[in-house]
Amino acid sequence: MGLDDKIKNAAEDIAGKAKEAFGKGTDNERLEAEGQADQSSAHVKKAGENVKDAFK
């Protein structure tokens, strides 16, 4: 994975954190859950990158 993918994953993680925080602040459980899901997705992608990097 290239640098572009790493940047996109970091941006997805940050957006997820912001979405989760906004959901907590507005007592919107759906938005909070979406933020957590976005973060989880970004973490899975990052783990995949780490595995690929390890085999290089």
Protein backbone atom coordinates (compact mmCIF):
# COMPACT_ATOMS: atom_id res chain seq x y z
CA MET A 1 0.00 0.00 0.00
CA GLY A 2 1.24 3.41 -0.83
CA LEU A 3 1.40 6.63 1.03
CA ASP A 4 -1.94 7.69 -0.46
CA ASP A 5 -3.68 4.73 1.15
CA LYS A 6 -2.08 5.44 4.51
CA ILE A 7 -3.22 9.07 4.35
CA LYS A 8 -6.76 8.04 3.38
CA ASN A 9 -6.92 5.57 6.25
CA ALA A 10 -5.68 8.18 8.73
CA ALA A 11 -8.27 10.63 7.43
CA GLU A 12 -11.00 8.00 7.79
CA ASP A 13 -9.91 7.37 11.38
CA ILE A 14 -9.95 11.10 12.22
CA ALA A 15 -13.35 11.55 10.56
CA GLY A 16 -14.67 8.60 12.55
CA LYS A 17 -13.43 10.11 15.80
CA ALA A 18 -15.06 13.42 14.94
CA LYS A 19 -18.32 11.72 13.99
CA GLU A 20 -18.30 9.72 17.22
CA ALA A 21 -17.62 12.83 19.32
CA PHE A 22 -20.38 14.75 17.56
CA GLY A 23 -22.76 11.84 18.13
CA LYS A 24 -21.91 11.80 21.84
CA GLY A 25 -22.32 15.57 22.09
CA THR A 26 -25.73 15.54 20.43
CA ASP A 27 -26.84 12.28 22.10
CA ASN A 28 -27.19 10.68 18.67
CA GLU A 29 -26.43 6.99 19.14
CA ARG A 30 -26.60 6.19 15.42
CA LEU A 31 -23.99 8.81 14.54
CA GLU A 32 -21.80 7.70 17.42
CA ALA A 33 -21.98 4.08 16.20
CA GLU A 34 -21.14 5.14 12.63
CA GLY A 35 -18.07 6.96 13.92
CA GLN A 36 -16.95 3.88 15.80
CA ALA A 37 -17.49 1.74 12.69
CA ASP A 38 -15.44 4.16 10.57
CA GLN A 39 -12.62 3.98 13.09
CA SER A 40 -12.74 0.19 13.16
CA SER A 41 -12.59 0.06 9.38
CA ALA A 42 -9.55 2.34 9.34
CA HIS A 43 -7.83 0.22 11.99
CA VAL A 44 -8.41 -2.98 10.01
CA LYS A 45 -6.98 -1.36 6.90
CA LYS A 46 -3.96 -0.16 8.85
CA ALA A 47 -3.37 -3.66 10.21
CA GLY A 48 -3.47 -4.98 6.65
CA GLU A 49 -0.89 -2.40 5.62
CA ASN A 50 1.36 -3.45 8.49
CA VAL A 51 1.17 -7.09 7.44
CA LYS A 52 2.00 -6.22 3.84
CA ASP A 53 4.90 -4.04 4.98
CA ALA A 54 6.25 -6.87 7.12
CA PHE A 55 6.48 -9.16 4.10
CA LYS A 56 8.38 -6.65 1.97
